[in-house]
Amino acid sequence: MVEIVLNGKKQDVRVGETVEQLIQQLGFDARWLLAELNGVPLERVQFSSIILSPGDRLELVRPVAGG
């Protein structure tokens, strides 16, 4: 296991786990999420190829319309 920071909280993930795998494990649908890794916005097509590393800071948010 490696430790990352997910939305400001420590989170253990498996070694070699991708952003996409973590999203699935958390029960979210990647189609409705925005992600930022270490301050850099990610495109959804990158979710399956980016492997999380110890100390990574991942922000996952679901945009909501409204005013």
PDB file of N, CA and C in Angstrom:
ATOM      1  N   MET A   1       0.835  -1.181   0.000  1.00  0.00           N
ATOM      2  CA  MET A   1       0.000   0.000   0.000  1.00  0.00           C
ATOM      3  C   MET A   1       0.880   1.245   0.000  1.00  0.00           C
ATOM      4  N   VAL A   2       0.385   2.290  -0.639  1.00  0.00           N
ATOM      5  CA  VAL A   2       1.057   3.586  -0.610  1.00  0.00           C
ATOM      6  C   VAL A   2       0.036   4.613  -0.132  1.00  0.00           C
ATOM      7  N   GLU A   3       0.518   5.692   0.448  1.00  0.00           N
ATOM      8  CA  GLU A   3      -0.366   6.720   0.968  1.00  0.00           C
ATOM      9  C   GLU A   3      -0.379   7.931   0.046  1.00  0.00           C
ATOM     10  N   ILE A   4      -1.585   8.348  -0.316  1.00  0.00           N
ATOM     11  CA  ILE A   4      -1.777   9.578  -1.085  1.00  0.00           C
ATOM     12  C   ILE A   4      -2.675  10.496  -0.258  1.00  0.00           C
ATOM     13  N   VAL A   5      -2.900  11.682  -0.764  1.00  0.00           N
ATOM     14  CA  VAL A   5      -3.860  12.593  -0.142  1.00  0.00           C
ATOM     15  C   VAL A   5      -5.002  12.762  -1.142  1.00  0.00           C
ATOM     16  N   LEU A   6      -6.180  12.332  -0.743  1.00  0.00           N
ATOM     17  CA  LEU A   6      -7.360  12.396  -1.600  1.00  0.00           C
ATOM     18  C   LEU A   6      -8.327  13.412  -1.014  1.00  0.00           C
ATOM     19  N   ASN A   7      -8.568  14.482  -1.750  1.00  0.00           N
ATOM     20  CA  ASN A   7      -9.469  15.550  -1.295  1.00  0.00           C
ATOM     21  C   ASN A   7      -9.115  16.004   0.124  1.00  0.00           C
ATOM     22  N   GLY A   8      -7.804  16.142   0.373  1.00  0.00           N
ATOM     23  CA  GLY A   8      -7.336  16.676   1.645  1.00  0.00           C
ATOM     24  C   GLY A   8      -7.210  15.676   2.777  1.00  0.00           C
ATOM     25  N   LYS A   9      -7.524  14.401   2.528  1.00  0.00           N
ATOM     26  CA  LYS A   9      -7.441  13.374   3.572  1.00  0.00           C
ATOM     27  C   LYS A   9      -6.524  12.248   3.120  1.00  0.00           C
ATOM     28  N   LYS A  10      -5.786  11.686   4.069  1.00  0.00           N
ATOM     29  CA  LYS A  10      -4.896  10.577   3.747  1.00  0.00           C
ATOM     30  C   LYS A  10      -5.706   9.373   3.294  1.00  0.00           C
ATOM     31  N   GLN A  11      -5.191   8.706   2.261  1.00  0.00           N
ATOM     32  CA  GLN A  11      -5.875   7.551   1.682  1.00  0.00           C
ATOM     33  C   GLN A  11      -4.825   6.530   1.270  1.00  0.00           C
ATOM     34  N   ASP A  12      -4.987   5.280   1.692  1.00  0.00           N
ATOM     35  CA  ASP A  12      -4.096   4.213   1.248  1.00  0.00           C
ATOM     36  C   ASP A  12      -4.634   3.634  -0.046  1.00  0.00           C
ATOM     37  N   VAL A  13      -3.737   3.428  -1.009  1.00  0.00           N
ATOM     38  CA  VAL A  13      -4.094   2.792  -2.278  1.00  0.00           C
ATOM     39  C   VAL A  13      -3.098   1.680  -2.555  1.00  0.00           C
ATOM     40  N   ARG A  14      -3.484   0.764  -3.393  1.00  0.00           N
ATOM     41  CA  ARG A  14      -2.601  -0.346  -3.749  1.00  0.00           C
ATOM     42  C   ARG A  14      -1.442   0.147  -4.613  1.00  0.00           C
ATOM     43  N   VAL A  15      -0.319  -0.493  -4.477  1.00  0.00           N
ATOM     44  CA  VAL A  15       0.838  -0.189  -5.324  1.00  0.00           C
ATOM     45  C   VAL A  15       0.435  -0.441  -6.776  1.00  0.00           C
ATOM     46  N   GLY A  16       0.702   0.516  -7.633  1.00  0.00           N
ATOM     47  CA  GLY A  16       0.389   0.376  -9.052  1.00  0.00           C
ATOM     48  C   GLY A  16      -1.036   0.745  -9.423  1.00  0.00           C
ATOM     49  N   GLU A  17      -1.815   1.241  -8.462  1.00  0.00           N
ATOM     50  CA  GLU A  17      -3.204   1.595  -8.740  1.00  0.00           C
ATOM     51  C   GLU A  17      -3.279   2.870  -9.574  1.00  0.00           C
ATOM     52  N   THR A  18      -4.178   2.866 -10.548  1.00  0.00           N
ATOM     53  CA  THR A  18      -4.368   4.036 -11.400  1.00  0.00           C
ATOM     54  C   THR A  18      -5.481   4.916 -10.833  1.00  0.00           C
ATOM     55  N   VAL A  19      -5.552   6.117 -11.361  1.00  0.00           N
ATOM     56  CA  VAL A  19      -6.627   7.032 -10.973  1.00  0.00           C
ATOM     57  C   VAL A  19      -7.972   6.380 -11.282  1.00  0.00           C
ATOM     58  N   GLU A  20      -8.092   5.762 -12.441  1.00  0.00           N
ATOM     59  CA  GLU A  20      -9.345   5.113 -12.836  1.00  0.00           C
ATOM     60  C   GLU A  20      -9.725   3.994 -11.869  1.00  0.00           C
ATOM     61  N   GLN A  21      -8.774   3.184 -11.473  1.00  0.00           N
ATOM     62  CA  GLN A  21      -9.064   2.099 -10.546  1.00  0.00           C
ATOM     63  C   GLN A  21      -9.536   2.633  -9.196  1.00  0.00           C
ATOM     64  N   LEU A  22      -8.917   3.699  -8.729  1.00  0.00           N
ATOM     65  CA  LEU A  22      -9.333   4.294  -7.458  1.00  0.00           C
ATOM     66  C   LEU A  22     -10.753   4.841  -7.568  1.00  0.00           C
ATOM     67  N   ILE A  23     -11.048   5.507  -8.660  1.00  0.00           N
ATOM     68  CA  ILE A  23     -12.394   6.049  -8.868  1.00  0.00           C
ATOM     69  C   ILE A  23     -13.423   4.922  -8.826  1.00  0.00           C
ATOM     70  N   GLN A  24     -13.130   3.813  -9.496  1.00  0.00           N
ATOM     71  CA  GLN A  24     -14.034   2.662  -9.499  1.00  0.00           C
ATOM     72  C   GLN A  24     -14.178   2.077  -8.098  1.00  0.00           C
ATOM     73  N   GLN A  25     -13.062   1.954  -7.388  1.00  0.00           N
ATOM     74  CA  GLN A  25     -13.076   1.405  -6.032  1.00  0.00           C
ATOM     75  C   GLN A  25     -13.945   2.256  -5.108  1.00  0.00           C
ATOM     76  N   LEU A  26     -13.922   3.565  -5.311  1.00  0.00           N
ATOM     77  CA  LEU A  26     -14.715   4.480  -4.498  1.00  0.00           C
ATOM     78  C   LEU A  26     -16.190   4.487  -4.893  1.00  0.00           C
ATOM     79  N   GLY A  27     -16.515   3.829  -6.009  1.00  0.00           N
ATOM     80  CA  GLY A  27     -17.904   3.725  -6.452  1.00  0.00           C
ATOM     81  C   GLY A  27     -18.405   4.909  -7.247  1.00  0.00           C
ATOM     82  N   PHE A  28     -17.480   5.694  -7.808  1.00  0.00           N
ATOM     83  CA  PHE A  28     -17.856   6.856  -8.603  1.00  0.00           C
ATOM     84  C   PHE A  28     -17.854   6.515 -10.086  1.00  0.00           C
ATOM     85  N   ASP A  29     -18.568   7.296 -10.853  1.00  0.00           N
ATOM     86  CA  ASP A  29     -18.586   7.177 -12.308  1.00  0.00           C
ATOM     87  C   ASP A  29     -17.666   8.266 -12.862  1.00  0.00           C
ATOM     88  N   ALA A  30     -16.586   7.861 -13.498  1.00  0.00           N
ATOM     89  CA  ALA A  30     -15.572   8.804 -13.987  1.00  0.00           C
ATOM     90  C   ALA A  30     -16.132   9.815 -14.983  1.00  0.00           C
ATOM     91  N   ARG A  31     -17.241   9.485 -15.636  1.00  0.00           N
ATOM     92  CA  ARG A  31     -17.822  10.414 -16.615  1.00  0.00           C
ATOM     93  C   ARG A  31     -18.271  11.712 -15.969  1.00  0.00           C
ATOM     94  N   TRP A  32     -18.539  11.694 -14.658  1.00  0.00           N
ATOM     95  CA  TRP A  32     -19.088  12.861 -13.985  1.00  0.00           C
ATOM     96  C   TRP A  32     -18.109  13.508 -13.018  1.00  0.00           C
ATOM     97  N   LEU A  33     -16.823  13.175 -13.155  1.00  0.00           N
ATOM     98  CA  LEU A  33     -15.822  13.715 -12.246  1.00  0.00           C
ATOM     99  C   LEU A  33     -14.795  14.576 -12.967  1.00  0.00           C
ATOM    100  N   LEU A  34     -14.285  15.548 -12.243  1.00  0.00           N
ATOM    101  CA  LEU A  34     -13.101  16.295 -12.654  1.00  0.00           C
ATOM    102  C   LEU A  34     -11.996  15.879 -11.701  1.00  0.00           C
ATOM    103  N   ALA A  35     -10.785  15.781 -12.203  1.00  0.00           N
ATOM    104  CA  ALA A  35      -9.669  15.357 -11.361  1.00  0.00           C
ATOM    105  C   ALA A  35      -8.475  16.275 -11.551  1.00  0.00           C
ATOM    106  N   GLU A  36      -7.761  16.452 -10.448  1.00  0.00           N
ATOM    107  CA  GLU A  36      -6.540  17.244 -10.452  1.00  0.00           C
ATOM    108  C   GLU A  36      -5.502  16.461  -9.648  1.00  0.00           C
ATOM    109  N   LEU A  37      -4.343  16.242 -10.235  1.00  0.00           N
ATOM    110  CA  LEU A  37      -3.277  15.498  -9.574  1.00  0.00           C
ATOM    111  C   LEU A  37      -2.084  16.408  -9.365  1.00  0.00           C
ATOM    112  N   ASN A  38      -1.730  16.623  -8.113  1.00  0.00           N
ATOM    113  CA  ASN A  38      -0.597  17.492  -7.758  1.00  0.00           C
ATOM    114  C   ASN A  38      -0.711  18.872  -8.403  1.00  0.00           C
ATOM    115  N   GLY A  39      -1.948  19.390  -8.430  1.00  0.00           N
ATOM    116  CA  GLY A  39      -2.184  20.727  -8.952  1.00  0.00           C
ATOM    117  C   GLY A  39      -2.360  20.815 -10.457  1.00  0.00           C
ATOM    118  N   VAL A  40      -2.327  19.673 -11.144  1.00  0.00           N
ATOM    119  CA  VAL A  40      -2.451  19.661 -12.602  1.00  0.00           C
ATOM    120  C   VAL A  40      -3.770  18.988 -12.990  1.00  0.00           C
ATOM    121  N   PRO A  41      -4.648  19.697 -13.724  1.00  0.00           N
ATOM    122  CA  PRO A  41      -5.899  19.086 -14.166  1.00  0.00           C
ATOM    123  C   PRO A  41      -5.629  17.892 -15.085  1.00  0.00           C
ATOM    124  N   LEU A  42      -6.451  16.853 -14.925  1.00  0.00           N
ATOM    125  CA  LEU A  42      -6.316  15.657 -15.756  1.00  0.00           C
ATOM    126  C   LEU A  42      -7.483  15.565 -16.729  1.00  0.00           C
ATOM    127  N   GLU A  43      -7.205  15.030 -17.897  1.00  0.00           N
ATOM    128  CA  GLU A  43      -8.263  14.700 -18.842  1.00  0.00           C
ATOM    129  C   GLU A  43      -8.732  13.288 -18.530  1.00  0.00           C
ATOM    130  N   ARG A  44      -9.993  13.002 -18.766  1.00  0.00           N
ATOM    131  CA  ARG A  44     -10.523  11.668 -18.444  1.00  0.00           C
ATOM    132  C   ARG A  44      -9.757  10.544 -19.140  1.00  0.00           C
ATOM    133  N   VAL A  45      -9.259  10.802 -20.328  1.00  0.00           N
ATOM    134  CA  VAL A  45      -8.524   9.758 -21.045  1.00  0.00           C
ATOM    135  C   VAL A  45      -7.230   9.383 -20.324  1.00  0.00           C
ATOM    136  N   GLN A  46      -6.764  10.230 -19.427  1.00  0.00           N
ATOM    137  CA  GLN A  46      -5.544   9.950 -18.674  1.00  0.00           C
ATOM    138  C   GLN A  46      -5.798   9.095 -17.442  1.00  0.00           C
ATOM    139  N   PHE A  47      -7.030   9.002 -16.979  1.00  0.00           N
ATOM    140  CA  PHE A  47      -7.331   8.308 -15.726  1.00  0.00           C
ATOM    141  C   PHE A  47      -6.791   6.882 -15.702  1.00  0.00           C
ATOM    142  N   SER A  48      -6.862   6.183 -16.832  1.00  0.00           N
ATOM    143  CA  SER A  48      -6.451   4.774 -16.851  1.00  0.00           C
ATOM    144  C   SER A  48      -4.942   4.587 -16.983  1.00  0.00           C
ATOM    145  N   SER A  49      -4.215   5.634 -17.334  1.00  0.00           N
ATOM    146  CA  SER A  49      -2.771   5.469 -17.552  1.00  0.00           C
ATOM    147  C   SER A  49      -1.905   6.079 -16.447  1.00  0.00           C
ATOM    148  N   ILE A  50      -2.500   6.858 -15.561  1.00  0.00           N
ATOM    149  CA  ILE A  50      -1.710   7.497 -14.505  1.00  0.00           C
ATOM    150  C   ILE A  50      -1.729   6.638 -13.259  1.00  0.00           C
ATOM    151  N   ILE A  51      -0.550   6.190 -12.863  1.00  0.00           N
ATOM    152  CA  ILE A  51      -0.382   5.371 -11.668  1.00  0.00           C
ATOM    153  C   ILE A  51      -0.087   6.300 -10.493  1.00  0.00           C
ATOM    154  N   LEU A  52      -0.813   6.093  -9.417  1.00  0.00           N
ATOM    155  CA  LEU A  52      -0.642   6.919  -8.227  1.00  0.00           C
ATOM    156  C   LEU A  52       0.650   6.563  -7.501  1.00  0.00           C
ATOM    157  N   SER A  53       1.342   7.578  -7.021  1.00  0.00           N
ATOM    158  CA  SER A  53       2.622   7.425  -6.326  1.00  0.00           C
ATOM    159  C   SER A  53       2.495   7.930  -4.896  1.00  0.00           C
ATOM    160  N   PRO A  54       3.351   7.437  -4.003  1.00  0.00           N
ATOM    161  CA  PRO A  54       3.305   7.909  -2.617  1.00  0.00           C
ATOM    162  C   PRO A  54       3.395   9.436  -2.555  1.00  0.00           C
ATOM    163  N   GLY A  55       2.524  10.030  -1.741  1.00  0.00           N
ATOM    164  CA  GLY A  55       2.542  11.473  -1.558  1.00  0.00           C
ATOM    165  C   GLY A  55       1.752  12.262  -2.578  1.00  0.00           C
ATOM    166  N   ASP A  56       1.225  11.597  -3.615  1.00  0.00           N
ATOM    167  CA  ASP A  56       0.412  12.312  -4.604  1.00  0.00           C
ATOM    168  C   ASP A  56      -0.770  12.981  -3.915  1.00  0.00           C
ATOM    169  N   ARG A  57      -1.160  14.125  -4.450  1.00  0.00           N
ATOM    170  CA  ARG A  57      -2.332  14.856  -3.964  1.00  0.00           C
ATOM    171  C   ARG A  57      -3.368  14.832  -5.084  1.00  0.00           C
ATOM    172  N   LEU A  58      -4.443  14.091  -4.862  1.00  0.00           N
ATOM    173  CA  LEU A  58      -5.489  13.924  -5.863  1.00  0.00           C
ATOM    174  C   LEU A  58      -6.767  14.599  -5.371  1.00  0.00           C
ATOM    175  N   GLU A  59      -7.334  15.418  -6.222  1.00  0.00           N
ATOM    176  CA  GLU A  59      -8.611  16.060  -5.939  1.00  0.00           C
ATOM    177  C   GLU A  59      -9.618  15.528  -6.949  1.00  0.00           C
ATOM    178  N   LEU A  60     -10.715  14.988  -6.446  1.00  0.00           N
ATOM    179  CA  LEU A  60     -11.812  14.520  -7.294  1.00  0.00           C
ATOM    180  C   LEU A  60     -13.048  15.331  -6.936  1.00  0.00           C
ATOM    181  N   VAL A  61     -13.657  15.943  -7.928  1.00  0.00           N
ATOM    182  CA  VAL A  61     -14.850  16.753  -7.693  1.00  0.00           C
ATOM    183  C   VAL A  61     -15.890  16.447  -8.749  1.00  0.00           C
ATOM    184  N   ARG A  62     -17.137  16.604  -8.335  1.00  0.00           N
ATOM    185  CA  ARG A  62     -18.247  16.435  -9.266  1.00  0.00           C
ATOM    186  C   ARG A  62     -18.869  17.803  -9.466  1.00  0.00           C
ATOM    187  N   PRO A  63     -18.770  18.346 -10.683  1.00  0.00           N
ATOM    188  CA  PRO A  63     -19.344  19.655 -10.938  1.00  0.00           C
ATOM    189  C   PRO A  63     -20.869  19.626 -10.808  1.00  0.00           C
ATOM    190  N   VAL A  64     -21.409  20.698 -10.281  1.00  0.00           N
ATOM    191  CA  VAL A  64     -22.842  20.808 -10.100  1.00  0.00           C
ATOM    192  C   VAL A  64     -23.310  22.111 -10.730  1.00  0.00           C
ATOM    193  N   ALA A  65     -24.332  22.016 -11.558  1.00  0.00           N
ATOM    194  CA  ALA A  65     -24.874  23.204 -12.207  1.00  0.00           C
ATOM    195  C   ALA A  65     -25.792  23.941 -11.243  1.00  0.00           C
ATOM    196  N   GLY A  66     -25.880  25.181 -11.456  1.00  0.00           N
ATOM    197  CA  GLY A  66     -26.790  25.969 -10.618  1.00  0.00           C
ATOM    198  C   GLY A  66     -26.279  27.387 -10.436  1.00  0.00           C
ATOM    199  N   GLY A  67     -27.004  28.124  -9.691  1.00  0.00           N
ATOM    200  CA  GLY A  67     -26.627  29.519  -9.545  1.00  0.00           C
ATOM    201  C   GLY A  67     -26.799  30.019  -8.200  1.00  0.00           C
TER     202      GLY A  67
END
